[in-house]
Structures are given as C-alpha cells and as structure tokens.
Amino acid sequence: MTAPDNYNTLQSASEGIYKEKGSKFITYAYPVYSEEEIKEHVSDLKKQYYDARHHCYAWQLGTDGKRYRANDDGEPSGTAGKPILGQIRSYELTNILVVVIRYFGGTKLGTSGLIHAYKEATIDAFENGSIIEKTINDFYRVNFDYGVMNDIMKIMKEEAPEISKQDFNLRCSIDWNCRQSDVDKIIKRLEKVESVDIEYLRTI
C-alpha cells in the first residue's frame, strides 16, 4: 500500500496564546518541509524569547506518520511536547512545526494543568490559522531536441502539469511538476518521444 500523495497543513504561519494562573503560553505554528527548516525556526524563537523558561515543540513530516518529534524542554516528561503532537495528529496535519513558549507565572500548574495548557495553546494557533489540503508533487526536467518540440508540447498541454521553466535552444528543456499519482502516466508518454531525457529534480 502506497502512502497518500495529499495531506493537510497550514497555509502559512499562525500564532496562538493561552494564559493560566499567571503563566503565559505563546504558540507559533509553521508549515515546514525539512528538519533543517525546523531547526532554524526553533533557534530563531529561542533567540527572540531568550528570557522564557521553556520552548517546547513538536513536529511531523511526510504522510506515513513515521517522521516526528516531541520535545518537553525541561517541563515534566510528557506534559508539553506530547500534547502538542497530539493536537497535530488530532487535526490530521503534517509538514508542520508547533513551538509553545512558556513564561512561568509563579504558580505550578501540575501535570494535568500543563497538559491542558499546551494542548489549548496549540489549538488556538490552529484555529487562528488556515488549514489547506496540498498534494505531494514530484519535480522533473525533460530534455529534448528542438525537432520534437510539437510532440512534447502536445503532451504538456493534454496532461497539464505545472511548468516552472522553459528553455528552447538546439537542445530544449522544460521543468515541470505534478502530484505523485500522475507522474508515471506523463513520463511514459514523454519516453515514447525520440531524443527525450528525463531528470528527477526533487519532491515537495
């Protein structure tokens, strides 16, 4: 069984806030596509909120549910990262990072209080954001001789992948992408054209 090639994520970054007994929980949620991107967001927030006691977070990447992490950043084990991740999954989101920054208000909230606070702070960011469905797209470049231009353009017009770049010289190229479930059909048609060479570029 193959993983689905569509998923739900945030359209853009969103923010949330939750307050309880003097403690303030500030949430930032981001659509992300790599662990490097995640590290940059967490690092930036730690610099921005350098005086906060905790910077707890959770993230999930991909559609198979296997790439994820939850970090309590000094809070009692399971009281911060896990409830954040729980809401990511409850909302059925992926390719997403949620960071909750806590300013301690002087009154301890207890285990159940912390779990509730991190959950509600995450929900607020999701409710303030815009959740969209996206497809996982494969990006390719097709190289071909100028003489078969009409054949290639006919396929591009009929299959309608998204074209991002075109270069028409003696040796031509077109950069295109489409959702993963449509890739094989397009490649099979292109490969039947003389002089065609197809390069895989990336998946997003």
C-alpha atoms as a PDB file:
ATOM      1  CA  MET A   1       0.000   0.000   0.000  1.00  0.00           C
ATOM      2  CA  THR A   2       1.489   3.345  -1.047  1.00  0.00           C
ATOM      3  CA  ALA A   3       1.349   6.460   1.118  1.00  0.00           C
ATOM      4  CA  PRO A   4      -1.217   9.065   0.040  1.00  0.00           C
ATOM      5  CA  ASP A   5       0.044  11.951  -2.087  1.00  0.00           C
ATOM      6  CA  ASN A   6      -2.179  14.548  -0.447  1.00  0.00           C
ATOM      7  CA  TYR A   7      -2.140  15.952   3.080  1.00  0.00           C
ATOM      8  CA  ASN A   8      -3.425  18.785   5.272  1.00  0.00           C
ATOM      9  CA  THR A   9      -1.158  21.513   6.603  1.00  0.00           C
ATOM     10  CA  LEU A  10      -1.223  25.214   7.439  1.00  0.00           C
ATOM     11  CA  GLN A  11      -1.325  27.639   4.537  1.00  0.00           C
ATOM     12  CA  SER A  12       1.055  29.972   6.381  1.00  0.00           C
ATOM     13  CA  ALA A  13       2.479  30.587   9.850  1.00  0.00           C
ATOM     14  CA  SER A  14      -0.045  31.233  12.617  1.00  0.00           C
ATOM     15  CA  GLU A  15       0.075  32.228  16.280  1.00  0.00           C
ATOM     16  CA  GLY A  16      -1.854  31.417  19.439  1.00  0.00           C
ATOM     17  CA  ILE A  17      -1.824  32.228  23.139  1.00  0.00           C
ATOM     18  CA  TYR A  18      -3.109  30.666  26.356  1.00  0.00           C
ATOM     19  CA  LYS A  19      -2.932  32.014  29.903  1.00  0.00           C
ATOM     20  CA  GLU A  20      -3.330  30.085  33.143  1.00  0.00           C
ATOM     21  CA  LYS A  21      -2.562  31.198  36.743  1.00  0.00           C
ATOM     22  CA  GLY A  22      -0.088  33.826  35.629  1.00  0.00           C
ATOM     23  CA  SER A  23       1.732  31.576  33.158  1.00  0.00           C
ATOM     24  CA  LYS A  24       1.632  32.655  29.522  1.00  0.00           C
ATOM     25  CA  PHE A  25       1.917  30.157  26.640  1.00  0.00           C
ATOM     26  CA  ILE A  26       2.766  31.740  23.274  1.00  0.00           C
ATOM     27  CA  THR A  27       2.388  29.469  20.235  1.00  0.00           C
ATOM     28  CA  TYR A  28       3.909  29.611  16.775  1.00  0.00           C
ATOM     29  CA  ALA A  29       2.867  27.082  14.122  1.00  0.00           C
ATOM     30  CA  TYR A  30       4.646  26.801  10.778  1.00  0.00           C
ATOM     31  CA  PRO A  31       4.279  24.756   7.586  1.00  0.00           C
ATOM     32  CA  VAL A  32       7.699  23.067   7.138  1.00  0.00           C
ATOM     33  CA  TYR A  33       9.345  20.639   4.718  1.00  0.00           C
ATOM     34  CA  SER A  34      12.683  19.670   6.301  1.00  0.00           C
ATOM     35  CA  GLU A  35      14.392  19.168   9.639  1.00  0.00           C
ATOM     36  CA  GLU A  36      16.822  21.979   8.743  1.00  0.00           C
ATOM     37  CA  GLU A  37      13.887  24.365   8.401  1.00  0.00           C
ATOM     38  CA  ILE A  38      12.543  23.165  11.767  1.00  0.00           C
ATOM     39  CA  LYS A  39      15.883  23.787  13.499  1.00  0.00           C
ATOM     40  CA  GLU A  40      16.013  27.323  12.097  1.00  0.00           C
ATOM     41  CA  HIS A  41      12.528  28.200  13.397  1.00  0.00           C
ATOM     42  CA  VAL A  42      13.232  26.777  16.872  1.00  0.00           C
ATOM     43  CA  SER A  43      16.602  28.545  17.042  1.00  0.00           C
ATOM     44  CA  ASP A  44      15.086  31.883  15.971  1.00  0.00           C
ATOM     45  CA  LEU A  45      12.340  31.653  18.594  1.00  0.00           C
ATOM     46  CA  LYS A  46      14.827  30.774  21.344  1.00  0.00           C
ATOM     47  CA  LYS A  47      16.774  33.913  20.430  1.00  0.00           C
ATOM     48  CA  GLN A  48      13.644  36.063  20.257  1.00  0.00           C
ATOM     49  CA  TYR A  49      12.236  34.736  23.548  1.00  0.00           C
ATOM     50  CA  TYR A  50      15.580  34.246  25.303  1.00  0.00           C
ATOM     51  CA  ASP A  51      14.065  35.101  28.700  1.00  0.00           C
ATOM     52  CA  ALA A  52      11.328  32.431  28.565  1.00  0.00           C
ATOM     53  CA  ARG A  53      11.684  29.374  30.768  1.00  0.00           C
ATOM     54  CA  HIS A  54      10.593  26.763  28.215  1.00  0.00           C
ATOM     55  CA  HIS A  55      10.495  26.458  24.417  1.00  0.00           C
ATOM     56  CA  CYS A  56       8.549  23.222  23.885  1.00  0.00           C
ATOM     57  CA  TYR A  57       7.736  21.884  20.448  1.00  0.00           C
ATOM     58  CA  ALA A  58       6.545  19.037  18.255  1.00  0.00           C
ATOM     59  CA  TRP A  59       6.705  18.426  14.531  1.00  0.00           C
ATOM     60  CA  GLN A  60       5.662  15.908  11.912  1.00  0.00           C
ATOM     61  CA  LEU A  61       6.859  15.460   8.324  1.00  0.00           C
ATOM     62  CA  GLY A  62       5.597  13.262   5.481  1.00  0.00           C
ATOM     63  CA  THR A  63       2.411  11.274   5.052  1.00  0.00           C
ATOM     64  CA  ASP A  64       3.373   7.956   6.663  1.00  0.00           C
ATOM     65  CA  GLY A  65       3.389   9.233  10.277  1.00  0.00           C
ATOM     66  CA  LYS A  66       6.916   7.957  10.897  1.00  0.00           C
ATOM     67  CA  ARG A  67       8.877  11.233  10.967  1.00  0.00           C
ATOM     68  CA  TYR A  68       8.008  13.226  14.083  1.00  0.00           C
ATOM     69  CA  ARG A  69       9.423  14.510  17.342  1.00  0.00           C
ATOM     70  CA  ALA A  70       8.131  15.938  20.621  1.00  0.00           C
ATOM     71  CA  ASN A  71      10.330  17.977  22.988  1.00  0.00           C
ATOM     72  CA  ASP A  72       9.391  18.967  26.567  1.00  0.00           C
ATOM     73  CA  ASP A  73      12.356  21.364  27.000  1.00  0.00           C
ATOM     74  CA  GLY A  74      12.554  20.955  30.766  1.00  0.00           C
ATOM     75  CA  GLU A  75       8.867  20.518  31.507  1.00  0.00           C
ATOM     76  CA  PRO A  76       7.898  17.243  33.259  1.00  0.00           C
ATOM     77  CA  SER A  77       8.126  14.336  30.799  1.00  0.00           C
ATOM     78  CA  GLY A  78       5.077  14.042  28.546  1.00  0.00           C
ATOM     79  CA  THR A  79       3.414  17.293  29.643  1.00  0.00           C
ATOM     80  CA  ALA A  80       4.369  19.552  26.712  1.00  0.00           C
ATOM     81  CA  GLY A  81       5.706  18.001  23.505  1.00  0.00           C
ATOM     82  CA  LYS A  82       3.322  15.061  23.626  1.00  0.00           C
ATOM     83  CA  PRO A  83       0.087  17.131  23.939  1.00  0.00           C
ATOM     84  CA  ILE A  84       1.343  19.424  21.155  1.00  0.00           C
ATOM     85  CA  LEU A  85       1.971  16.414  18.905  1.00  0.00           C
ATOM     86  CA  GLY A  86      -1.403  15.010  19.949  1.00  0.00           C
ATOM     87  CA  GLN A  87      -3.154  18.070  18.527  1.00  0.00           C
ATOM     88  CA  ILE A  88      -1.124  17.935  15.302  1.00  0.00           C
ATOM     89  CA  ARG A  89      -2.477  14.419  14.844  1.00  0.00           C
ATOM     90  CA  SER A  90      -5.960  15.250  16.067  1.00  0.00           C
ATOM     91  CA  TYR A  91      -6.211  17.926  13.368  1.00  0.00           C
ATOM     92  CA  GLU A  92      -4.681  15.417  10.891  1.00  0.00           C
ATOM     93  CA  LEU A  93      -1.887  17.798   9.903  1.00  0.00           C
ATOM     94  CA  THR A  94       1.631  17.092   8.675  1.00  0.00           C
ATOM     95  CA  ASN A  95       4.640  19.029   7.370  1.00  0.00           C
ATOM     96  CA  ILE A  96       4.119  21.196  10.415  1.00  0.00           C
ATOM     97  CA  LEU A  97       6.054  22.531  13.410  1.00  0.00           C
ATOM     98  CA  VAL A  98       4.450  23.893  16.574  1.00  0.00           C
ATOM     99  CA  VAL A  99       6.518  25.722  19.206  1.00  0.00           C
ATOM    100  CA  VAL A 100       4.967  26.797  22.517  1.00  0.00           C
ATOM    101  CA  ILE A 101       6.944  29.300  24.583  1.00  0.00           C
ATOM    102  CA  ARG A 102       6.124  29.418  28.302  1.00  0.00           C
ATOM    103  CA  TYR A 103       6.626  32.284  30.686  1.00  0.00           C
ATOM    104  CA  PHE A 104       6.221  30.919  34.225  1.00  0.00           C
ATOM    105  CA  GLY A 105       3.758  32.880  36.349  1.00  0.00           C
ATOM    106  CA  GLY A 106       4.863  31.689  39.779  1.00  0.00           C
ATOM    107  CA  THR A 107       2.136  29.103  40.345  1.00  0.00           C
ATOM    108  CA  LYS A 108       2.739  25.478  39.419  1.00  0.00           C
ATOM    109  CA  LEU A 109       0.022  24.012  37.207  1.00  0.00           C
ATOM    110  CA  GLY A 110       0.621  20.318  37.920  1.00  0.00           C
ATOM    111  CA  THR A 111       0.828  17.573  35.329  1.00  0.00           C
ATOM    112  CA  SER A 112      -2.781  17.736  34.157  1.00  0.00           C
ATOM    113  CA  GLY A 113      -2.699  21.538  34.131  1.00  0.00           C
ATOM    114  CA  LEU A 114       0.398  21.611  31.946  1.00  0.00           C
ATOM    115  CA  ILE A 115      -1.002  19.061  29.502  1.00  0.00           C
ATOM    116  CA  HIS A 116      -4.195  21.106  29.222  1.00  0.00           C
ATOM    117  CA  ALA A 117      -2.293  24.377  28.740  1.00  0.00           C
ATOM    118  CA  TYR A 118      -0.020  23.094  25.968  1.00  0.00           C
ATOM    119  CA  LYS A 119      -2.983  21.463  24.252  1.00  0.00           C
ATOM    120  CA  GLU A 120      -5.095  24.643  24.363  1.00  0.00           C
ATOM    121  CA  ALA A 121      -2.190  26.843  23.237  1.00  0.00           C
ATOM    122  CA  THR A 122      -1.703  24.589  20.199  1.00  0.00           C
ATOM    123  CA  ILE A 123      -5.416  24.551  19.375  1.00  0.00           C
ATOM    124  CA  ASP A 124      -5.514  28.362  19.475  1.00  0.00           C
ATOM    125  CA  ALA A 125      -2.745  28.596  16.860  1.00  0.00           C
ATOM    126  CA  PHE A 126      -4.544  26.106  14.603  1.00  0.00           C
ATOM    127  CA  GLU A 127      -7.872  27.918  14.976  1.00  0.00           C
ATOM    128  CA  ASN A 128      -6.177  31.227  14.082  1.00  0.00           C
ATOM    129  CA  GLY A 129      -4.544  29.690  11.015  1.00  0.00           C
ATOM    130  CA  SER A 130      -5.851  28.451   7.697  1.00  0.00           C
ATOM    131  CA  ILE A 131      -5.710  24.682   7.103  1.00  0.00           C
ATOM    132  CA  ILE A 132      -5.386  23.624   3.469  1.00  0.00           C
ATOM    133  CA  GLU A 133      -5.034  20.395   1.513  1.00  0.00           C
ATOM    134  CA  LYS A 134      -1.864  20.061  -0.544  1.00  0.00           C
ATOM    135  CA  THR A 135      -0.514  17.399  -2.859  1.00  0.00           C
ATOM    136  CA  ILE A 136       2.959  15.890  -2.739  1.00  0.00           C
ATOM    137  CA  ASN A 137       4.487  16.870  -6.066  1.00  0.00           C
ATOM    138  CA  ASP A 138       7.450  15.387  -7.921  1.00  0.00           C
ATOM    139  CA  PHE A 139       9.572  17.811  -9.942  1.00  0.00           C
ATOM    140  CA  TYR A 140      11.218  16.775 -13.220  1.00  0.00           C
ATOM    141  CA  ARG A 141      13.122  18.245 -16.156  1.00  0.00           C
ATOM    142  CA  VAL A 142      12.543  16.882 -19.638  1.00  0.00           C
ATOM    143  CA  ASN A 143      15.355  17.497 -22.142  1.00  0.00           C
ATOM    144  CA  PHE A 144      14.698  17.061 -25.857  1.00  0.00           C
ATOM    145  CA  ASP A 145      15.803  18.086 -29.347  1.00  0.00           C
ATOM    146  CA  TYR A 146      14.169  21.124 -30.934  1.00  0.00           C
ATOM    147  CA  GLY A 147      12.755  18.940 -33.725  1.00  0.00           C
ATOM    148  CA  VAL A 148      10.337  17.128 -31.394  1.00  0.00           C
ATOM    149  CA  MET A 149       9.044  20.313 -29.758  1.00  0.00           C
ATOM    150  CA  ASN A 150       5.489  19.856 -31.069  1.00  0.00           C
ATOM    151  CA  ASP A 151       5.252  16.321 -29.666  1.00  0.00           C
ATOM    152  CA  ILE A 152       6.434  17.442 -26.230  1.00  0.00           C
ATOM    153  CA  MET A 153       4.157  20.492 -26.103  1.00  0.00           C
ATOM    154  CA  LYS A 154       1.168  18.349 -27.119  1.00  0.00           C
ATOM    155  CA  ILE A 155       1.795  16.078 -24.103  1.00  0.00           C
ATOM    156  CA  MET A 156       2.262  19.076 -21.792  1.00  0.00           C
ATOM    157  CA  LYS A 157      -0.982  20.624 -22.998  1.00  0.00           C
ATOM    158  CA  GLU A 158      -3.001  17.409 -22.644  1.00  0.00           C
ATOM    159  CA  GLU A 159      -1.567  16.263 -19.293  1.00  0.00           C
ATOM    160  CA  ALA A 160      -1.346  19.818 -17.881  1.00  0.00           C
ATOM    161  CA  PRO A 161       1.466  19.519 -15.330  1.00  0.00           C
ATOM    162  CA  GLU A 162       2.647  22.777 -13.779  1.00  0.00           C
ATOM    163  CA  ILE A 163       5.506  24.216 -15.846  1.00  0.00           C
ATOM    164  CA  SER A 164       8.052  26.326 -13.945  1.00  0.00           C
ATOM    165  CA  LYS A 165      10.797  26.867 -16.537  1.00  0.00           C
ATOM    166  CA  GLN A 166      11.259  26.516 -20.305  1.00  0.00           C
ATOM    167  CA  ASP A 167      14.434  26.762 -22.379  1.00  0.00           C
ATOM    168  CA  PHE A 168      14.141  26.412 -26.155  1.00  0.00           C
ATOM    169  CA  ASN A 169      17.510  26.206 -27.896  1.00  0.00           C
ATOM    170  CA  LEU A 170      19.001  23.443 -30.074  1.00  0.00           C
ATOM    171  CA  ARG A 171      18.676  21.215 -27.029  1.00  0.00           C
ATOM    172  CA  CYS A 172      15.494  22.207 -25.190  1.00  0.00           C
ATOM    173  CA  SER A 173      14.274  21.651 -21.628  1.00  0.00           C
ATOM    174  CA  ILE A 174      11.090  22.077 -19.630  1.00  0.00           C
ATOM    175  CA  ASP A 175      10.902  21.937 -15.818  1.00  0.00           C
ATOM    176  CA  TRP A 176       7.553  20.589 -14.697  1.00  0.00           C
ATOM    177  CA  ASN A 177       5.842  19.098 -11.677  1.00  0.00           C
ATOM    178  CA  CYS A 178       2.629  17.302 -10.765  1.00  0.00           C
ATOM    179  CA  ARG A 179       1.182  15.223  -7.954  1.00  0.00           C
ATOM    180  CA  GLN A 180       2.893  11.884  -7.482  1.00  0.00           C
ATOM    181  CA  SER A 181      -0.074   9.789  -8.594  1.00  0.00           C
ATOM    182  CA  ASP A 182       0.017  11.442 -12.059  1.00  0.00           C
ATOM    183  CA  VAL A 183       3.786  11.204 -12.658  1.00  0.00           C
ATOM    184  CA  ASP A 184       4.038   7.740 -14.233  1.00  0.00           C
ATOM    185  CA  LYS A 185       1.464   8.455 -16.905  1.00  0.00           C
ATOM    186  CA  ILE A 186       3.262  11.626 -18.048  1.00  0.00           C
ATOM    187  CA  ILE A 187       6.722  10.039 -18.008  1.00  0.00           C
ATOM    188  CA  LYS A 188       5.532   7.055 -20.076  1.00  0.00           C
ATOM    189  CA  ARG A 189       4.195   9.405 -22.755  1.00  0.00           C
ATOM    190  CA  LEU A 190       7.363  11.529 -22.786  1.00  0.00           C
ATOM    191  CA  GLU A 191       9.652   8.497 -23.034  1.00  0.00           C
ATOM    192  CA  LYS A 192       7.995   7.454 -26.296  1.00  0.00           C
ATOM    193  CA  VAL A 193       9.260  10.650 -27.957  1.00  0.00           C
ATOM    194  CA  GLU A 194      12.646  10.412 -29.732  1.00  0.00           C
ATOM    195  CA  SER A 195      15.671  12.174 -28.099  1.00  0.00           C
ATOM    196  CA  VAL A 196      13.946  12.645 -24.717  1.00  0.00           C
ATOM    197  CA  ASP A 197      15.944  12.538 -21.481  1.00  0.00           C
ATOM    198  CA  ILE A 198      14.094  12.938 -18.155  1.00  0.00           C
ATOM    199  CA  GLU A 199      15.747  14.118 -14.919  1.00  0.00           C
ATOM    200  CA  TYR A 200      14.189  13.794 -11.452  1.00  0.00           C
ATOM    201  CA  LEU A 201      14.754  17.056  -9.532  1.00  0.00           C
ATOM    202  CA  ARG A 202      13.027  16.877  -6.144  1.00  0.00           C
ATOM    203  CA  THR A 203       9.832  16.104  -4.227  1.00  0.00           C
ATOM    204  CA  ILE A 204       7.869  18.702  -2.268  1.00  0.00           C
END
